[in-house]
């Protein structure tokens, strides 16, 4: 739309004033809400980093469990490691004796159930 005459300058000025007013309003909204958006953004970054740390911890825990499962028979049979036998604290015997006693007890319980 083309405005001619004395109102042309007035229309142009009102358009500039409304643009500068909305620009100032947008700038004020951004300035006052910046801590909110920044906090939400950093919270999201913290959640992502925490989830990555949880995945690393899960993988390390599974690896430790696998190593423990592989190592427990050797520890029981040969007494490797710092494992103390508290089943009979007054008697000093090897871990092999404890394993044999557990197997015998399991066989006795199983034979009584089947009979």
C-alpha atoms as a PDB file:
ATOM      1  CA  UNK A   1       0.000   0.000   0.000  1.00  0.00           C
ATOM      2  CA  UNK A   2       1.418   3.317  -1.031  1.00  0.00           C
ATOM      3  CA  UNK A   3       0.670   6.332   1.173  1.00  0.00           C
ATOM      4  CA  UNK A   4       1.099   9.672  -0.482  1.00  0.00           C
ATOM      5  CA  UNK A   5       1.214  13.160   0.898  1.00  0.00           C
ATOM      6  CA  UNK A   6       1.446  14.467   4.403  1.00  0.00           C
ATOM      7  CA  UNK A   7       0.563  11.142   6.078  1.00  0.00           C
ATOM      8  CA  UNK A   8       3.421   9.208   4.465  1.00  0.00           C
ATOM      9  CA  UNK A   9       5.958  10.397   7.027  1.00  0.00           C
ATOM     10  CA  UNK A  10       3.543   9.790   9.938  1.00  0.00           C
ATOM     11  CA  UNK A  11       2.864   6.173   8.878  1.00  0.00           C
ATOM     12  CA  UNK A  12       6.583   5.529   8.561  1.00  0.00           C
ATOM     13  CA  UNK A  13       7.256   6.936  12.052  1.00  0.00           C
ATOM     14  CA  UNK A  14       4.542   4.847  13.705  1.00  0.00           C
ATOM     15  CA  UNK A  15       5.893   1.713  12.110  1.00  0.00           C
ATOM     16  CA  UNK A  16       9.396   2.458  13.454  1.00  0.00           C
ATOM     17  CA  UNK A  17       8.094   3.197  16.937  1.00  0.00           C
ATOM     18  CA  UNK A  18       6.171  -0.092  17.159  1.00  0.00           C
ATOM     19  CA  UNK A  19       9.207  -2.065  15.974  1.00  0.00           C
ATOM     20  CA  UNK A  20      11.512  -0.437  18.503  1.00  0.00           C
ATOM     21  CA  UNK A  21       8.953  -0.991  21.282  1.00  0.00           C
ATOM     22  CA  UNK A  22       8.586  -4.663  20.497  1.00  0.00           C
ATOM     23  CA  UNK A  23      12.348  -5.025  20.206  1.00  0.00           C
ATOM     24  CA  UNK A  24      12.795  -3.483  23.649  1.00  0.00           C
ATOM     25  CA  UNK A  25      10.067  -5.730  25.042  1.00  0.00           C
ATOM     26  CA  UNK A  26      11.703  -8.841  23.586  1.00  0.00           C
ATOM     27  CA  UNK A  27      15.091  -7.727  24.942  1.00  0.00           C
ATOM     28  CA  UNK A  28      13.637  -7.187  28.428  1.00  0.00           C
ATOM     29  CA  UNK A  29      11.893 -10.562  28.407  1.00  0.00           C
ATOM     30  CA  UNK A  30      15.123 -12.262  27.354  1.00  0.00           C
ATOM     31  CA  UNK A  31      17.158 -10.428  30.007  1.00  0.00           C
ATOM     32  CA  UNK A  32      14.740 -11.205  32.838  1.00  0.00           C
ATOM     33  CA  UNK A  33      14.121 -14.833  31.863  1.00  0.00           C
ATOM     34  CA  UNK A  34      17.766 -15.624  31.065  1.00  0.00           C
ATOM     35  CA  UNK A  35      18.485 -17.184  34.509  1.00  0.00           C
ATOM     36  CA  UNK A  36      15.488 -19.486  34.045  1.00  0.00           C
ATOM     37  CA  UNK A  37      16.530 -20.671  30.585  1.00  0.00           C
ATOM     38  CA  UNK A  38      20.181 -20.931  31.574  1.00  0.00           C
ATOM     39  CA  UNK A  39      19.272 -22.974  34.664  1.00  0.00           C
ATOM     40  CA  UNK A  40      17.032 -25.296  32.669  1.00  0.00           C
ATOM     41  CA  UNK A  41      19.743 -25.757  30.043  1.00  0.00           C
ATOM     42  CA  UNK A  42      22.443 -26.506  32.602  1.00  0.00           C
ATOM     43  CA  UNK A  43      20.073 -28.857  34.414  1.00  0.00           C
ATOM     44  CA  UNK A  44      19.572 -30.758  31.170  1.00  0.00           C
ATOM     45  CA  UNK A  45      23.346 -30.906  30.642  1.00  0.00           C
ATOM     46  CA  UNK A  46      23.721 -32.259  34.194  1.00  0.00           C
ATOM     47  CA  UNK A  47      21.103 -34.946  33.582  1.00  0.00           C
ATOM     48  CA  UNK A  48      22.833 -36.064  30.374  1.00  0.00           C
ATOM     49  CA  UNK A  49      26.254 -36.210  32.065  1.00  0.00           C
ATOM     50  CA  UNK A  50      24.744 -38.069  35.038  1.00  0.00           C
ATOM     51  CA  UNK A  51      23.174 -40.651  32.729  1.00  0.00           C
ATOM     52  CA  UNK A  52      26.520 -41.153  30.983  1.00  0.00           C
ATOM     53  CA  UNK A  53      28.172 -41.659  34.379  1.00  0.00           C
ATOM     54  CA  UNK A  54      25.473 -44.180  35.307  1.00  0.00           C
ATOM     55  CA  UNK A  55      26.155 -46.144  32.117  1.00  0.00           C
ATOM     56  CA  UNK A  56      29.900 -46.194  32.853  1.00  0.00           C
ATOM     57  CA  UNK A  57      29.182 -47.330  36.420  1.00  0.00           C
ATOM     58  CA  UNK A  58      26.844 -50.051  35.201  1.00  0.00           C
ATOM     59  CA  UNK A  59      29.429 -51.392  32.768  1.00  0.00           C
ATOM     60  CA  UNK A  60      32.144 -51.319  35.457  1.00  0.00           C
ATOM     61  CA  UNK A  61      29.834 -53.078  37.926  1.00  0.00           C
ATOM     62  CA  UNK A  62      28.994 -55.831  35.439  1.00  0.00           C
ATOM     63  CA  UNK A  63      32.679 -56.289  34.651  1.00  0.00           C
ATOM     64  CA  UNK A  64      33.482 -56.539  38.375  1.00  0.00           C
ATOM     65  CA  UNK A  65      30.695 -59.081  38.885  1.00  0.00           C
ATOM     66  CA  UNK A  66      32.002 -61.218  36.015  1.00  0.00           C
ATOM     67  CA  UNK A  67      35.536 -61.134  37.413  1.00  0.00           C
ATOM     68  CA  UNK A  68      34.168 -62.030  40.856  1.00  0.00           C
ATOM     69  CA  UNK A  69      32.183 -64.975  39.489  1.00  0.00           C
ATOM     70  CA  UNK A  70      35.257 -66.269  37.681  1.00  0.00           C
ATOM     71  CA  UNK A  71      37.532 -65.769  40.716  1.00  0.00           C
ATOM     72  CA  UNK A  72      35.300 -67.194  43.503  1.00  0.00           C
ATOM     73  CA  UNK A  73      36.017 -70.908  42.789  1.00  0.00           C
ATOM     74  CA  UNK A  74      39.762 -70.306  42.912  1.00  0.00           C
ATOM     75  CA  UNK A  75      39.382 -68.292  46.075  1.00  0.00           C
ATOM     76  CA  UNK A  76      37.331 -71.033  47.732  1.00  0.00           C
ATOM     77  CA  UNK A  77      39.506 -73.931  46.618  1.00  0.00           C
ATOM     78  CA  UNK A  78      42.961 -72.500  47.086  1.00  0.00           C
ATOM     79  CA  UNK A  79      42.411 -69.751  49.670  1.00  0.00           C
ATOM     80  CA  UNK A  80      43.529 -66.922  47.436  1.00  0.00           C
ATOM     81  CA  UNK A  81      42.623 -63.468  48.622  1.00  0.00           C
ATOM     82  CA  UNK A  82      41.624 -62.169  52.020  1.00  0.00           C
ATOM     83  CA  UNK A  83      38.641 -64.438  52.699  1.00  0.00           C
ATOM     84  CA  UNK A  84      38.115 -65.653  56.259  1.00  0.00           C
ATOM     85  CA  UNK A  85      36.074 -68.716  57.147  1.00  0.00           C
ATOM     86  CA  UNK A  86      33.777 -67.872  60.037  1.00  0.00           C
ATOM     87  CA  UNK A  87      31.773 -71.120  59.982  1.00  0.00           C
ATOM     88  CA  UNK A  88      33.975 -72.732  62.643  1.00  0.00           C
ATOM     89  CA  UNK A  89      35.969 -69.887  64.181  1.00  0.00           C
ATOM     90  CA  UNK A  90      37.777 -72.054  66.784  1.00  0.00           C
ATOM     91  CA  UNK A  91      39.124 -74.589  64.289  1.00  0.00           C
ATOM     92  CA  UNK A  92      41.824 -73.832  61.776  1.00  0.00           C
ATOM     93  CA  UNK A  93      41.356 -75.709  58.531  1.00  0.00           C
ATOM     94  CA  UNK A  94      41.550 -75.112  54.810  1.00  0.00           C
ATOM     95  CA  UNK A  95      38.777 -73.848  52.669  1.00  0.00           C
ATOM     96  CA  UNK A  96      38.662 -77.147  50.832  1.00  0.00           C
ATOM     97  CA  UNK A  97      37.307 -78.772  54.012  1.00  0.00           C
ATOM     98  CA  UNK A  98      34.528 -76.162  54.167  1.00  0.00           C
ATOM     99  CA  UNK A  99      33.563 -76.873  50.553  1.00  0.00           C
ATOM    100  CA  UNK A 100      33.493 -80.624  51.206  1.00  0.00           C
ATOM    101  CA  UNK A 101      31.303 -80.108  54.300  1.00  0.00           C
ATOM    102  CA  UNK A 102      28.887 -77.920  52.316  1.00  0.00           C
ATOM    103  CA  UNK A 103      28.658 -80.542  49.548  1.00  0.00           C
ATOM    104  CA  UNK A 104      28.050 -83.333  52.072  1.00  0.00           C
ATOM    105  CA  UNK A 105      25.350 -81.281  53.809  1.00  0.00           C
ATOM    106  CA  UNK A 106      23.669 -80.568  50.464  1.00  0.00           C
ATOM    107  CA  UNK A 107      23.719 -84.284  49.555  1.00  0.00           C
ATOM    108  CA  UNK A 108      22.218 -85.254  52.925  1.00  0.00           C
ATOM    109  CA  UNK A 109      19.414 -82.698  52.567  1.00  0.00           C
ATOM    110  CA  UNK A 110      18.734 -83.818  48.986  1.00  0.00           C
ATOM    111  CA  UNK A 111      18.647 -87.515  49.945  1.00  0.00           C
ATOM    112  CA  UNK A 112      16.156 -86.826  52.765  1.00  0.00           C
ATOM    113  CA  UNK A 113      13.843 -84.955  50.368  1.00  0.00           C
ATOM    114  CA  UNK A 114      13.805 -87.750  47.794  1.00  0.00           C
ATOM    115  CA  UNK A 115      13.206 -90.524  50.368  1.00  0.00           C
END
